[in-house]
Amino acid sequence: MRLIYGIAGMLLLLTMLCFAGCEDEDHGHYGYGYGGGHYGDGGRYGGHYEGHRVAYTHEYRGMTGPSPDAGYFVVQRPEVWNALWGGKPPADANVDFTKQSVIVAFMGQEPTTGYDIKIDNVLSTEKRINVLATMKQPDPKANMEKVQSDPYHMVVVPKITTPVYLAVAGAKGQPLAVQDLYEGMQCNMATPTAAVIRSADAWQNFWTKNIGATVPAPAVDFTQYTAVAVFAGKQATEGYAIHVTAATQVNENLVINYRLKSPQPGETVAQNATSPYSIALVPANTLAVSFMNVQPPAMAAPATPATPAPTNTAPATPATPAPTNTAPATPATPATPPAATAPETPTTPPAAAAPETPATPPAAAAPATPAAP
């Protein structure tokens, strides 16, 4: 009898060793469900994901990130990387964007310690990249230190050439990664508006009309990506900017968050007219799209101009717009892109945006008012 128990014990030990040794043998696949290449952890990410594990060459993680907005990005170009860090990337951030990309996760501004975000794994398949991440929140009963935090995690990986899809444990809604960004301070769009582009022809027409024919339109595969754009409109001075900060699928709707920056009270700005814009690529979709300003700009004292404007009278200070749920100029109200009949013609009915049809976002800031000489 002891001999039988001994043999059974040996067989059990050999079985356990075999499973332990075979976990990663499926051509580099990573996951639970040995040999299947699936990653799941009991549905932790809302499903099972497969792919080859992608190794990080470097990572950046901390509690005081460069952005107060929650969002996920795939950084493909150095100008986007520098802008992400406000022009001051980490000293050791030597990313070769000809061979590498950076996957970025921002949790957003939080009121206490105890929050965190982590990219757990990056899994590559032939047609897509699966990024698995986890958001952590403190126990509501815990006595956390009331110190503002902006958790972030960034990983440097080999160059990404396929769409990136997210599975984030603890997230509200289904976040979508912004696959690339095209931003600038000068364009031909004079009014605050937004647009959705889903075809190559519409993209070329949109770019030529709004950005200009002198700058070639970037090549975009619209079988894999959808483009969304927000415009701040023509502003009288510098100091304005607009940025797409996040994309989230909520049921059958795609919500695009953006932040509109205006000059701060007392800030010195050059008297050069600007018309900021931000264009983001997200995974291809046919969802209805709405746009939300995550922080309307303060309509406080005007910024101080660097050069007095040539006028003999002090221009009037713009009045603070009254809160309303319909007027597109209301900073605090998220705009829902309407279905316009003519391309690039902003309208105001609260319907969802049709493809290649611009909408009017709500938070176009009034230009800074230069002081009288």
Protein backbone atom coordinates (compact mmCIF):
# COMPACT_ATOMS: atom_id res chain seq x y z
CA MET A 1 0.00 0.00 0.00
CA ARG A 2 2.82 2.39 0.83
CA LEU A 3 4.41 1.55 -2.50
CA ILE A 4 1.16 2.46 -4.34
CA TYR A 5 0.90 5.78 -2.47
CA GLY A 6 4.54 6.47 -3.25
CA ILE A 7 4.07 5.84 -6.96
CA ALA A 8 0.93 8.03 -7.01
CA GLY A 9 2.83 10.82 -5.30
CA MET A 10 5.64 10.61 -7.84
CA LEU A 11 3.15 10.77 -10.74
CA LEU A 12 1.46 13.83 -9.22
CA LEU A 13 4.81 15.59 -8.79
CA LEU A 14 5.83 14.85 -12.39
CA THR A 15 2.49 16.18 -13.66
CA MET A 16 2.92 19.43 -11.73
CA LEU A 17 6.47 19.85 -13.03
CA CYS A 18 5.30 19.25 -16.59
CA PHE A 19 2.64 21.95 -16.34
CA ALA A 20 5.07 24.38 -14.76
CA GLY A 21 7.58 23.80 -17.53
CA CYS A 22 5.03 24.04 -20.35
CA GLU A 23 3.42 27.34 -19.37
CA ASP A 24 5.26 29.39 -21.97
CA GLU A 25 6.00 26.74 -24.58
CA ASP A 26 3.18 27.67 -26.95
CA HIS A 27 5.37 29.69 -29.36
CA GLY A 28 5.87 32.49 -26.85
CA HIS A 29 2.21 32.72 -25.90
CA TYR A 30 1.48 33.77 -22.38
CA GLY A 31 -1.49 32.88 -20.30
CA TYR A 32 -3.57 30.56 -18.25
CA GLY A 33 -4.93 27.60 -20.23
CA TYR A 34 -1.61 26.05 -21.15
CA GLY A 35 -1.05 25.42 -24.82
CA GLY A 36 -3.93 27.70 -25.86
CA GLY A 37 -2.12 31.02 -25.64
CA HIS A 38 -5.04 32.58 -23.76
CA TYR A 39 -4.66 35.25 -21.09
CA GLY A 40 -7.56 35.51 -18.73
CA ASP A 41 -7.15 35.21 -14.97
CA GLY A 42 -10.76 34.18 -14.52
CA GLY A 43 -12.23 36.94 -16.66
CA ARG A 44 -10.37 39.68 -14.83
CA TYR A 45 -10.08 41.70 -18.04
CA GLY A 46 -13.61 40.92 -19.22
CA GLY A 47 -12.50 38.11 -21.54
CA HIS A 48 -9.59 35.99 -22.70
CA TYR A 49 -6.80 37.40 -24.83
CA GLU A 50 -4.04 35.71 -26.74
CA GLY A 51 -0.83 36.63 -28.47
CA HIS A 52 2.93 36.56 -28.24
CA ARG A 53 4.31 38.33 -25.22
CA VAL A 54 5.99 41.61 -26.18
CA ALA A 55 9.09 42.46 -24.14
CA TYR A 56 9.54 45.99 -22.78
CA THR A 57 12.85 47.65 -23.47
CA HIS A 58 12.13 50.36 -20.89
CA GLU A 59 9.29 51.57 -18.71
CA TYR A 60 8.31 54.69 -16.78
CA ARG A 61 5.93 54.52 -13.85
CA GLY A 62 5.01 56.87 -11.03
CA MET A 63 2.39 58.79 -9.07
CA THR A 64 2.96 62.28 -10.53
CA GLY A 65 2.46 61.89 -14.25
CA PRO A 66 2.58 64.62 -16.90
CA SER A 67 -1.20 64.61 -17.50
CA PRO A 68 -4.17 65.14 -15.17
CA ASP A 69 -6.49 63.41 -17.66
CA ALA A 70 -7.23 59.69 -17.81
CA GLY A 71 -6.36 58.22 -21.20
CA TYR A 72 -4.37 55.69 -23.21
CA PHE A 73 -2.02 56.47 -26.08
CA VAL A 74 0.29 54.80 -28.56
CA VAL A 75 3.15 57.22 -29.14
CA GLN A 76 4.71 56.76 -32.58
CA ARG A 77 6.63 60.00 -33.16
CA PRO A 78 9.09 62.14 -31.15
CA GLU A 79 6.99 65.32 -31.42
CA VAL A 80 4.05 63.56 -29.73
CA TRP A 81 6.37 62.14 -27.06
CA ASN A 82 7.81 65.57 -26.27
CA ALA A 83 4.37 67.18 -26.19
CA LEU A 84 3.16 64.47 -23.85
CA TRP A 85 5.82 65.53 -21.33
CA GLY A 86 5.28 69.24 -21.86
CA GLY A 87 8.53 69.48 -23.78
CA LYS A 88 10.55 67.94 -20.93
CA PRO A 89 10.71 64.13 -21.27
CA PRO A 90 12.80 62.15 -18.75
CA ALA A 91 16.55 62.51 -19.22
CA ASP A 92 16.94 58.77 -19.82
CA ALA A 93 14.06 58.61 -22.34
CA ASN A 94 16.09 57.79 -25.42
CA VAL A 95 13.34 56.28 -27.55
CA ASP A 96 14.17 55.48 -31.17
CA PHE A 97 10.80 56.02 -32.84
CA THR A 98 12.02 54.54 -36.10
CA LYS A 99 12.18 51.18 -34.30
CA GLN A 100 10.13 51.66 -31.14
CA SER A 101 6.72 52.82 -29.87
CA VAL A 102 5.54 53.77 -26.39
CA ILE A 103 2.28 52.57 -24.86
CA VAL A 104 1.00 55.09 -22.33
CA ALA A 105 -1.61 54.69 -19.57
CA PHE A 106 -2.78 57.69 -17.54
CA MET A 107 -5.17 57.08 -14.65
CA GLY A 108 -6.01 60.76 -14.28
CA GLN A 109 -5.90 63.11 -11.34
CA GLU A 110 -6.89 61.51 -8.02
CA PRO A 111 -7.51 63.21 -4.64
CA THR A 112 -5.48 60.87 -2.41
CA THR A 113 -2.76 58.25 -2.35
CA GLY A 114 -3.69 54.60 -2.90
CA TYR A 115 -4.53 54.87 -6.62
CA ASP A 116 -2.42 53.15 -9.24
CA ILE A 117 -2.40 51.94 -12.84
CA LYS A 118 -0.27 49.20 -14.33
CA ILE A 119 0.23 47.78 -17.80
CA ASP A 120 0.30 44.07 -16.99
CA ASN A 121 1.05 42.62 -20.41
CA VAL A 122 1.35 43.46 -24.08
CA LEU A 123 0.33 40.60 -26.38
CA SER A 124 0.94 40.65 -30.13
CA THR A 125 -1.11 38.87 -32.78
CA GLU A 126 -0.95 39.08 -36.56
CA LYS A 127 -3.65 41.76 -36.80
CA ARG A 128 -3.64 43.55 -33.44
CA ILE A 129 -1.91 44.30 -30.16
CA ASN A 130 -3.73 43.46 -26.93
CA VAL A 131 -2.76 45.58 -23.93
CA LEU A 132 -3.89 44.26 -20.55
CA ALA A 133 -3.88 46.75 -17.70
CA THR A 134 -5.23 47.14 -14.17
CA MET A 135 -6.54 50.19 -12.34
CA LYS A 136 -6.30 50.10 -8.56
CA GLN A 137 -8.36 52.21 -6.14
CA PRO A 138 -7.91 52.47 -2.36
CA ASP A 139 -10.24 50.74 0.06
CA PRO A 140 -13.04 53.25 0.85
CA LYS A 141 -12.55 52.49 4.54
CA ALA A 142 -8.81 53.10 4.42
CA ASN A 143 -7.42 56.34 5.81
CA MET A 144 -5.44 57.52 2.81
CA GLU A 145 -3.18 60.55 2.75
CA LYS A 146 -4.94 63.47 1.07
CA VAL A 147 -2.24 64.16 -1.47
CA GLN A 148 -3.12 64.66 -5.12
CA SER A 149 -1.73 61.97 -7.42
CA ASP A 150 -1.63 61.37 -11.20
CA PRO A 151 -0.66 57.68 -11.60
CA TYR A 152 0.86 56.64 -14.92
CA HIS A 153 2.66 53.75 -16.58
CA MET A 154 4.51 53.81 -19.91
CA VAL A 155 6.29 50.93 -21.64
CA VAL A 156 8.66 51.09 -24.60
CA VAL A 157 8.11 48.25 -27.08
CA PRO A 158 9.24 47.35 -30.60
CA LYS A 159 7.58 49.43 -33.34
CA ILE A 160 3.80 48.91 -33.46
CA THR A 161 2.21 48.73 -36.93
CA THR A 162 -1.23 47.29 -36.08
CA PRO A 163 -4.11 48.69 -34.01
CA VAL A 164 -3.83 48.52 -30.22
CA TYR A 165 -6.81 47.28 -28.21
CA LEU A 166 -7.22 47.65 -24.46
CA ALA A 167 -8.56 45.44 -21.70
CA VAL A 168 -8.44 47.40 -18.44
CA ALA A 169 -9.55 45.78 -15.20
CA GLY A 170 -11.35 48.33 -13.04
CA ALA A 171 -12.12 50.79 -15.86
CA LYS A 172 -15.53 52.35 -16.44
CA GLY A 173 -16.70 51.78 -20.00
CA GLN A 174 -14.37 50.37 -22.64
CA PRO A 175 -11.34 52.65 -23.11
CA LEU A 176 -9.85 52.90 -26.59
CA ALA A 177 -6.22 53.73 -27.18
CA VAL A 178 -5.45 56.86 -29.19
CA GLN A 179 -3.23 55.36 -31.89
CA ASP A 180 -1.62 58.60 -33.09
CA LEU A 181 -2.01 62.36 -32.74
CA TYR A 182 -1.62 65.25 -35.18
CA GLU A 183 -1.75 68.66 -33.51
CA GLY A 184 -0.89 72.20 -34.44
CA MET A 185 -1.52 75.89 -33.81
CA GLN A 186 -2.48 77.00 -37.31
CA CYS A 187 -5.24 75.72 -39.56
CA ASN A 188 -8.00 77.06 -41.83
CA MET A 189 -10.90 76.29 -39.47
CA ALA A 190 -12.04 79.61 -38.02
CA THR A 191 -14.90 78.32 -35.86
CA PRO A 192 -14.90 75.81 -32.98
CA THR A 193 -16.02 72.48 -34.41
CA ALA A 194 -15.38 68.74 -34.44
CA ALA A 195 -15.35 66.08 -37.13
CA VAL A 196 -15.26 62.32 -37.68
CA ILE A 197 -13.50 60.86 -40.74
CA ARG A 198 -13.83 57.23 -41.83
CA SER A 199 -12.58 57.03 -45.42
CA ALA A 200 -9.44 57.88 -47.37
CA ASP A 201 -11.21 60.28 -49.77
CA ALA A 202 -12.89 62.16 -46.94
CA TRP A 203 -9.56 62.30 -45.10
CA GLN A 204 -7.76 63.87 -48.04
CA ASN A 205 -10.53 66.44 -48.58
CA PHE A 206 -10.73 67.18 -44.85
CA TRP A 207 -6.98 67.68 -44.53
CA THR A 208 -6.62 69.87 -47.62
CA LYS A 209 -9.54 72.09 -46.66
CA ASN A 210 -8.81 72.46 -42.94
CA ILE A 211 -5.07 71.94 -42.44
CA GLY A 212 -3.87 73.13 -45.82
CA ALA A 213 -2.58 71.81 -49.11
CA THR A 214 1.04 72.71 -48.33
CA VAL A 215 1.23 70.01 -45.62
CA PRO A 216 0.68 66.49 -47.02
CA ALA A 217 -2.01 64.45 -45.30
CA PRO A 218 -0.52 61.58 -43.25
CA ALA A 219 -1.17 58.14 -44.67
CA VAL A 220 -3.97 56.43 -42.73
CA ASP A 221 -5.41 52.94 -43.28
CA PHE A 222 -9.12 53.52 -42.68
CA THR A 223 -9.80 49.80 -42.62
CA GLN A 224 -7.97 49.87 -39.30
CA TYR A 225 -8.48 53.40 -37.96
CA THR A 226 -11.06 56.17 -37.58
CA ALA A 227 -9.98 59.82 -37.29
CA VAL A 228 -11.60 62.30 -34.89
CA ALA A 229 -10.77 66.01 -34.84
CA VAL A 230 -11.44 69.01 -32.61
CA PHE A 231 -10.79 72.65 -33.50
CA ALA A 232 -10.56 75.56 -31.07
CA GLY A 233 -11.44 78.12 -33.75
CA LYS A 234 -9.57 81.30 -34.55
CA GLN A 235 -8.06 83.01 -31.49
CA ALA A 236 -6.59 86.53 -31.39
CA THR A 237 -3.43 85.59 -29.47
CA GLU A 238 -1.11 82.77 -28.63
CA GLY A 239 -1.61 80.82 -25.40
CA TYR A 240 -4.47 78.67 -26.66
CA ALA A 241 -4.28 74.93 -27.34
CA ILE A 242 -6.59 71.95 -27.71
CA HIS A 243 -5.84 68.26 -27.10
CA VAL A 244 -7.75 65.01 -27.49
CA THR A 245 -7.18 63.32 -24.13
CA ALA A 246 -9.17 60.06 -24.25
CA ALA A 247 -11.58 57.86 -26.19
CA THR A 248 -14.11 55.61 -24.45
CA GLN A 249 -16.81 53.35 -25.80
CA VAL A 250 -19.99 53.55 -23.71
CA ASN A 251 -22.56 51.07 -25.03
CA GLU A 252 -22.94 51.96 -28.72
CA ASN A 253 -21.42 55.42 -28.40
CA LEU A 254 -17.86 56.68 -28.65
CA VAL A 255 -17.05 59.56 -26.28
CA ILE A 256 -14.04 61.70 -27.22
CA ASN A 257 -12.65 63.75 -24.34
CA TYR A 258 -10.65 66.85 -25.13
CA ARG A 259 -9.10 69.68 -23.14
CA LEU A 260 -9.13 73.29 -24.28
CA LYS A 261 -6.39 75.47 -22.87
CA SER A 262 -6.64 79.26 -22.76
CA PRO A 263 -4.24 81.91 -21.41
CA GLN A 264 -4.18 82.22 -17.64
CA PRO A 265 -4.97 85.55 -15.95
CA GLY A 266 -1.86 87.72 -16.09
CA GLU A 267 -0.07 85.42 -18.53
CA THR A 268 1.98 87.26 -21.14
CA VAL A 269 1.03 86.15 -24.64
CA ALA A 270 2.20 87.23 -28.08
CA GLN A 271 -0.36 89.01 -30.24
CA ASN A 272 -0.29 86.43 -33.00
CA ALA A 273 -3.55 84.89 -34.17
CA THR A 274 -3.79 81.12 -33.72
CA SER A 275 -6.27 78.37 -34.61
CA PRO A 276 -5.31 75.24 -32.61
CA TYR A 277 -6.43 71.75 -33.61
CA SER A 278 -6.02 68.15 -32.47
CA ILE A 279 -6.64 65.09 -34.66
CA ALA A 280 -6.56 61.60 -33.14
CA LEU A 281 -6.65 58.13 -34.67
CA VAL A 282 -8.62 55.45 -32.82
CA PRO A 283 -9.42 51.84 -33.79
CA ALA A 284 -11.86 51.68 -36.72
CA ASN A 285 -15.50 51.80 -35.67
CA THR A 286 -18.99 52.80 -36.81
CA LEU A 287 -20.15 54.14 -33.43
CA ALA A 288 -22.05 57.38 -32.90
CA VAL A 289 -19.53 59.95 -31.64
CA SER A 290 -19.87 62.71 -29.05
CA PHE A 291 -17.26 65.16 -27.80
CA MET A 292 -16.73 66.31 -24.21
CA ASN A 293 -14.56 69.14 -22.89
CA VAL A 294 -13.07 67.71 -19.69
CA GLN A 295 -12.28 71.12 -18.23
CA PRO A 296 -13.88 74.26 -19.66
CA PRO A 297 -11.46 77.22 -19.62
CA ALA A 298 -11.98 79.92 -17.01
CA MET A 299 -13.49 83.12 -18.36
CA ALA A 300 -11.56 85.26 -15.93
CA ALA A 301 -9.31 88.27 -16.41
CA PRO A 302 -7.71 88.47 -19.85
CA ALA A 303 -4.12 87.50 -20.39
CA THR A 304 -1.51 90.23 -20.59
CA PRO A 305 -0.38 90.81 -24.18
CA ALA A 306 3.31 90.94 -25.03
CA THR A 307 2.71 93.83 -27.46
CA PRO A 308 -0.18 96.29 -27.02
CA ALA A 309 -2.81 95.99 -29.71
CA PRO A 310 -3.08 98.98 -32.08
CA THR A 311 -6.32 100.44 -30.83
CA ASN A 312 -7.40 103.57 -28.95
CA THR A 313 -10.13 101.95 -26.95
CA ALA A 314 -10.05 99.05 -24.54
CA PRO A 315 -11.99 96.12 -25.98
CA ALA A 316 -14.83 94.80 -23.88
CA THR A 317 -14.23 91.78 -21.68
CA PRO A 318 -16.27 88.83 -22.98
CA ALA A 319 -19.17 87.87 -20.77
CA THR A 320 -19.22 84.47 -19.12
CA PRO A 321 -21.64 82.28 -21.08
CA ALA A 322 -24.72 81.23 -19.16
CA PRO A 323 -24.97 77.49 -18.45
CA THR A 324 -27.28 75.72 -20.86
CA ASN A 325 -27.75 72.22 -22.16
CA THR A 326 -28.16 73.19 -25.78
CA ALA A 327 -25.89 76.10 -26.67
CA PRO A 328 -22.62 74.82 -28.13
CA ALA A 329 -20.63 77.60 -26.47
CA THR A 330 -21.33 76.35 -22.95
CA PRO A 331 -17.98 75.12 -21.54
CA ALA A 332 -19.42 72.69 -18.99
CA THR A 333 -21.80 70.86 -21.34
CA PRO A 334 -20.42 67.99 -23.47
CA ALA A 335 -21.25 68.36 -27.11
CA THR A 336 -22.90 65.64 -29.15
CA PRO A 337 -21.84 65.90 -32.79
CA PRO A 338 -24.88 66.45 -34.98
CA ALA A 339 -25.70 64.92 -38.31
CA ALA A 340 -25.00 67.78 -40.71
CA THR A 341 -26.15 67.75 -44.30
CA ALA A 342 -23.05 69.40 -45.75
CA PRO A 343 -19.45 68.35 -44.91
CA GLU A 344 -17.53 70.58 -42.50
CA THR A 345 -20.63 72.67 -41.73
CA PRO A 346 -21.09 72.92 -37.93
CA THR A 347 -24.66 72.60 -36.72
CA THR A 348 -26.29 72.28 -33.35
CA PRO A 349 -29.03 69.61 -33.27
CA PRO A 350 -28.18 67.03 -30.57
CA ALA A 351 -27.93 64.01 -32.87
CA ALA A 352 -24.92 61.68 -33.10
CA ALA A 353 -22.23 62.53 -35.62
CA ALA A 354 -22.42 60.97 -39.06
CA PRO A 355 -19.12 59.84 -40.64
CA GLU A 356 -17.06 62.60 -42.20
CA THR A 357 -19.45 65.15 -40.68
CA PRO A 358 -18.18 67.86 -38.34
CA ALA A 359 -19.92 68.73 -35.13
CA THR A 360 -19.74 71.72 -32.84
CA PRO A 361 -17.97 71.06 -29.53
CA PRO A 362 -19.20 73.12 -26.60
CA ALA A 363 -16.16 74.74 -25.17
CA ALA A 364 -14.63 77.13 -27.61
CA ALA A 365 -12.94 79.70 -25.44
CA ALA A 366 -13.31 83.37 -26.23
CA PRO A 367 -9.96 84.79 -27.34
CA ALA A 368 -7.83 86.49 -24.75
CA THR A 369 -8.60 90.20 -24.60
CA PRO A 370 -5.50 92.34 -24.98
CA ALA A 371 -5.17 95.21 -22.55
CA ALA A 372 -5.50 98.75 -23.84
CA PRO A 373 -2.17 100.42 -24.56
